[in-house]
Protein backbone atom coordinates (compact mmCIF):
# COMPACT_ATOMS: atom_id res chain seq x y z
CA MET A 1 79.15 259.03 281.54
CA ALA A 2 79.70 259.33 277.72
CA THR A 3 76.74 257.12 276.32
CA ALA A 4 74.42 258.95 278.70
CA LYS A 5 75.37 262.20 277.24
CA ILE A 6 75.16 261.29 273.65
CA SER A 7 71.19 259.45 274.79
CA LYS A 8 70.55 262.99 276.03
CA GLU A 9 71.51 264.59 272.91
CA LEU A 10 69.01 262.33 270.88
CA THR A 11 65.59 262.72 269.78
CA THR A 12 62.93 260.16 270.59
CA ALA A 13 62.98 259.54 266.83
CA GLU A 14 66.70 259.49 266.70
CA LYS A 15 66.42 256.59 269.77
CA LEU A 16 63.52 254.84 267.66
CA ARG A 17 66.03 254.34 264.80
CA GLN A 18 68.80 253.35 267.08
CA LEU A 19 66.42 250.55 268.25
CA TYR A 20 64.99 249.59 264.82
CA GLU A 21 68.77 249.68 263.30
CA LEU A 22 69.81 247.23 266.33
CA GLN A 23 66.63 244.93 266.02
CA LEU A 24 67.34 244.61 262.03
CA VAL A 25 71.04 243.54 262.84
CA ASP A 26 70.10 241.19 265.54
CA SER A 27 67.59 239.44 262.94
CA GLU A 28 69.98 238.87 260.58
CA LEU A 29 72.40 237.24 263.32
CA ASP A 30 68.88 235.23 264.12
CA GLU A 31 68.97 233.91 260.49
CA LEU A 32 72.16 233.17 260.53
CA GLN A 33 71.38 231.16 263.62
CA ASN A 34 68.46 229.50 262.00
CA MET A 35 70.25 228.00 259.44
CA LYS A 36 72.27 225.87 261.92
CA GLY A 37 68.76 224.99 263.02
CA GLU A 38 68.91 222.20 265.76
CA LEU A 39 72.27 220.80 264.26
CA PRO A 40 74.52 222.41 267.58
CA MET A 41 71.96 220.77 269.50
CA GLU A 42 71.61 217.61 267.99
CA VAL A 43 75.46 217.31 267.48
CA ASN A 44 75.56 217.98 271.91
CA ASP A 45 73.14 215.04 272.46
CA LEU A 46 75.29 212.60 270.16
CA GLU A 47 78.03 213.62 271.58
CA ASP A 48 76.55 212.79 275.11
CA GLU A 49 74.75 209.72 274.31
CA ILE A 50 77.71 208.19 272.76
CA ALA A 51 79.51 209.32 276.10
CA GLY A 52 76.88 206.69 277.77
CA LEU A 53 77.08 204.30 275.67
CA GLU A 54 81.13 204.06 275.89
CA THR A 55 80.52 204.07 280.20
CA ARG A 56 78.18 201.48 279.49
CA THR A 57 80.31 199.07 277.29
CA GLN A 58 83.31 199.79 279.65
CA LYS A 59 81.15 198.93 282.52
CA ALA A 60 79.85 195.74 281.50
CA ASP A 61 83.79 194.97 279.62
CA GLN A 62 84.77 195.43 283.56
CA SER A 63 82.46 193.32 284.69
CA ALA A 64 82.67 190.41 282.49
CA GLY A 65 86.52 190.60 283.55
CA GLU A 66 85.83 190.12 287.09
CA LEU A 67 83.14 187.39 286.40
CA GLU A 68 85.88 185.38 284.53
CA VAL A 69 88.27 185.94 287.16
CA GLU A 70 85.31 184.29 289.73
CA ILE A 71 85.07 181.84 287.28
CA LYS A 72 88.81 181.15 287.29
CA LYS A 73 88.83 181.15 291.24
CA GLN A 74 85.98 178.93 291.68
CA LYS A 75 87.75 176.41 289.44
CA GLU A 76 90.30 176.70 291.54
CA ASN A 77 88.53 175.60 294.46
CA ILE A 78 86.80 172.62 292.57
CA LYS A 79 90.69 171.34 292.01
CA MET A 80 91.23 171.65 295.52
CA ALA A 81 88.56 169.99 297.24
CA GLU A 82 88.76 167.27 294.57
CA ALA A 83 92.37 166.65 295.67
CA LEU A 84 91.12 166.83 299.58
CA ILE A 85 88.64 164.01 298.70
CA GLU A 86 91.08 161.75 296.85
CA ARG A 87 92.80 162.14 300.02
CA TYR A 88 90.08 161.48 302.14
CA LYS A 89 89.25 158.08 300.09
CA LYS A 90 92.77 157.11 300.56
CA GLN A 91 93.03 157.55 304.53
CA LEU A 92 89.97 155.24 304.54
CA ASP A 93 91.61 152.04 304.05
CA ASN A 94 93.61 153.21 307.20
CA VAL A 95 91.02 154.19 309.37
CA LYS A 96 91.37 152.22 312.92
CA ASN A 97 87.62 153.07 313.95
CA ASN A 98 84.32 154.06 313.26
CA ARG A 99 85.04 157.55 314.69
CA GLU A 100 87.81 158.34 312.22
CA PHE A 101 85.72 156.74 309.27
CA ASP A 102 82.68 159.37 309.92
CA ALA A 103 84.79 162.03 310.21
CA LEU A 104 86.98 161.11 307.03
CA ASN A 105 82.93 160.46 305.16
CA LYS A 106 81.63 164.15 306.73
CA GLU A 107 85.19 165.88 304.94
CA ILE A 108 84.29 163.87 301.79
CA GLU A 109 80.49 165.55 302.02
CA LEU A 110 81.98 168.60 302.94
CA GLN A 111 84.36 169.15 299.84
CA GLN A 112 81.67 167.71 297.51
CA LEU A 113 79.39 170.46 299.16
CA ASP A 114 81.80 173.24 298.18
CA ILE A 115 82.52 171.61 294.59
CA GLN A 116 78.65 171.89 294.13
CA LEU A 117 78.56 175.68 295.34
CA ALA A 118 81.79 176.32 293.09
CA GLU A 119 80.01 175.17 289.72
CA LYS A 120 76.74 176.62 291.05
CA ARG A 121 78.59 179.84 290.81
CA ILE A 122 80.35 179.49 288.10
CA ARG A 123 77.08 178.47 286.04
CA GLU A 124 75.54 182.30 287.41
CA ALA A 125 78.75 183.92 286.42
CA GLN A 126 78.39 182.17 282.72
CA ARG A 127 75.28 183.51 282.17
CA ASN A 128 76.11 186.90 283.62
CA ILE A 129 78.89 187.23 281.21
CA GLU A 130 76.24 186.34 278.45
CA ALA A 131 74.46 188.84 279.35
CA LYS A 132 76.81 191.50 279.74
CA LYS A 133 77.94 190.54 276.32
CA GLU A 134 74.40 190.89 275.10
CA VAL A 135 74.26 194.45 276.60
CA THR A 136 78.28 195.17 275.00
CA ASP A 137 76.89 193.75 271.59
CA VAL A 138 73.86 195.81 271.58
CA ALA A 139 75.89 199.34 272.81
CA LYS A 140 78.42 198.88 270.42
CA LYS A 141 76.36 198.46 267.49
CA ARG A 142 74.46 201.48 268.83
CA LEU A 143 77.50 203.18 269.24
CA GLU A 144 78.86 202.45 265.76
CA VAL A 145 75.37 203.89 264.37
CA LYS A 146 75.83 206.96 266.41
CA LEU A 147 79.12 207.73 265.56
CA LYS A 148 78.40 207.67 262.16
CA GLU A 149 75.37 210.06 263.00
CA LEU A 150 77.64 212.37 264.66
CA ASP A 151 80.42 212.22 261.74
CA THR A 152 77.51 213.33 259.28
CA LYS A 153 76.29 216.10 261.68
CA LYS A 154 79.50 217.53 262.18
CA ILE A 155 80.26 217.61 258.60
CA GLU A 156 77.03 219.65 258.10
CA LEU A 157 77.42 221.67 260.41
CA GLN A 158 80.85 222.73 259.95
CA LYS A 159 79.77 223.47 256.38
CA ILE A 160 77.29 225.88 257.59
CA LEU A 161 79.59 227.74 260.09
CA GLU A 162 82.58 228.22 257.07
CA LYS A 163 79.57 229.62 255.23
CA THR A 164 78.33 231.69 258.14
CA GLU A 165 81.43 232.71 260.58
CA LYS A 166 82.66 235.77 258.49
CA GLU A 167 79.32 237.04 258.42
CA GLU A 168 78.54 236.05 262.13
CA GLU A 169 81.28 237.87 263.16
CA LYS A 170 80.74 241.24 261.11
CA LEU A 171 76.85 241.10 262.51
CA ARG A 172 77.98 240.77 265.86
CA LYS A 173 80.49 243.46 265.97
CA LYS A 174 77.72 245.82 264.15
CA SER A 175 75.49 244.78 267.09
CA ASP A 176 78.05 245.37 269.58
CA LYS A 177 78.88 249.14 268.21
CA ALA A 178 74.80 249.74 267.86
CA ARG A 179 74.28 248.47 271.44
CA LYS A 180 76.71 251.38 272.81
CA GLY A 181 74.97 254.18 271.54
CA ILE A 182 71.61 253.09 272.97
CA GLU A 183 70.94 254.35 276.94
CA GLU A 184 70.95 251.72 279.28
CA ARG A 185 67.45 251.90 280.00
CA LEU A 186 65.94 251.21 276.62
CA LEU A 187 68.26 248.83 276.11
CA LYS A 188 67.24 246.70 278.90
CA SER A 189 63.81 247.08 277.67
CA TYR A 190 64.58 245.99 274.37
CA ASP A 191 66.71 242.80 275.50
CA LYS A 192 63.93 242.04 277.74
CA ILE A 193 61.46 242.07 275.07
CA ARG A 194 63.65 239.93 272.94
CA THR A 195 64.30 237.12 274.99
CA SER A 196 60.47 237.06 275.79
CA TYR A 197 59.57 236.14 271.80
CA ARG A 198 60.89 232.88 269.81
CA ASN A 199 61.56 235.52 266.75
CA GLY A 200 63.70 237.76 268.79
CA LEU A 201 61.44 240.81 267.92
CA SER A 202 61.58 243.37 270.28
CA VAL A 203 61.04 246.49 267.76
CA VAL A 204 58.47 246.07 265.00
CA SER A 205 57.03 248.50 262.39
CA VAL A 206 53.43 248.98 261.38
CA SER A 207 52.33 247.84 258.63
CA ARG A 208 48.49 248.45 257.25
CA SER A 209 47.66 249.21 260.58
CA SER A 210 48.98 246.03 262.44
CA CYS A 211 51.68 245.31 264.39
CA GLY A 212 54.33 243.62 263.06
CA GLY A 213 55.24 241.27 265.67
CA CYS A 214 51.74 240.14 267.15
CA PHE A 215 49.67 241.32 263.87
CA ASN A 216 46.96 242.42 265.97
CA HIS A 217 45.37 245.77 264.95
CA ILE A 218 46.86 249.43 265.74
CA PRO A 219 44.17 252.09 266.57
CA PRO A 220 44.80 254.90 263.95
CA GLN A 221 44.97 257.37 266.96
CA LEU A 222 48.54 255.59 268.16
CA THR A 223 49.15 255.04 264.34
CA LEU A 224 49.21 258.63 264.41
CA GLU A 225 51.13 259.21 267.51
CA ILE A 226 53.73 256.70 265.88
CA GLY A 227 54.15 258.03 263.29
CA LEU A 228 55.31 261.77 264.94
CA HIS A 229 57.92 260.08 266.88
CA LYS A 230 57.56 262.14 269.52
CA LYS A 231 57.43 259.28 271.84
CA ILE A 232 58.42 255.46 272.39
CA VAL A 233 54.63 253.42 271.61
CA ALA A 234 54.80 250.14 272.68
CA CYS A 235 51.97 247.66 271.39
CA GLU A 236 48.82 246.89 274.08
CA HIS A 237 48.85 243.31 272.82
CA CYS A 238 52.58 241.87 272.72
CA GLY A 239 54.70 244.51 274.50
CA ARG A 240 56.93 245.10 271.45
CA ILE A 241 58.29 248.80 270.67
CA LEU A 242 56.36 249.88 267.56
CA VAL A 243 58.09 252.27 265.03
CA ASP A 244 56.50 253.15 261.43
CA GLU A 245 58.33 252.53 257.99
CA SER A 246 59.83 255.86 257.62
CA ILE A 247 61.96 255.96 260.82
CA MET A 248 64.50 254.71 258.65
CA GLN A 249 64.87 258.23 256.84
CA VAL A 250 65.19 259.81 260.40
CA GLU A 251 68.51 261.85 260.37
CA MET A 252 70.82 261.04 263.64
CA ALA A 253 72.45 263.90 265.47
CA ASP A 254 76.12 264.08 264.92
C-alpha cells in the first residue's frame, strides 16, 4: 500500500526517471554477467560430460568384471567335463555289453560338446572384455582431457567472480532498492520488455531522432511528446519505453 501511495504522488517524468535509473543499474549488472560470458554454462556442460564419462567407465569396468567371472565359471565347467571324460574312458575298459559301451561314449560326446560350448563362451567373453577395455581406454583419455579443461575453466571463472562479486552484490542491492519505488504495473511492463531482448534494454533514450534500442527513426511529433515527459511513450517498432536524454535532470519528489 505504501508503494502505491508513493507512486501516485510521482509525476510521469519522475516515473520515467525511476525506470531509466533502474535500467542503468540493470545494464551494469548485464555487463558483469557478460564478463563471465559462456563460462558458467561451459563449466556446467563439462561437469555433466565428466559425470557421463565416469558412469560409462564404471559400467564398462563392472561389465568386464562380470565377464571375467563368467570366464572363470566356464573354465571350471571345462575341468569338470574333462574329469568326467577321464572317468568314462576308464569305465569303457570294464563294460560288459554294447549298451553300456554306447551309453558311455554318448556321455563322453556330451561332455566334449559342453567343453566346446564353454570354450566358445570364453572366447566371446574375452572379445567382449577387449571391447570394453577399448571403450574404457577411450573414455578415460577423454575424461583426463575434460578434467584438465574443467580445471582451467573453473580457475578462469573464479578469477572473474572474485573481480565482480562485490560490485555485482552492490548493484543487485541498488536494483532491488530502485524496484521498490516503482509501481507494480510499470515494473511488470519493464520486466516483460527486458526479457524480450537479449541486450536486456527495456528503457532507452532517444538519440538523433532514433530509438536507442532498435535504432528506428522516431517522428518529430513523438520526439516532442517524449521531451515533455507528460506520458509514457513506447517505440512503435520494438515496444521499448522511450525517454529523452534530459530525463536524469528531473528532480524526484520527496
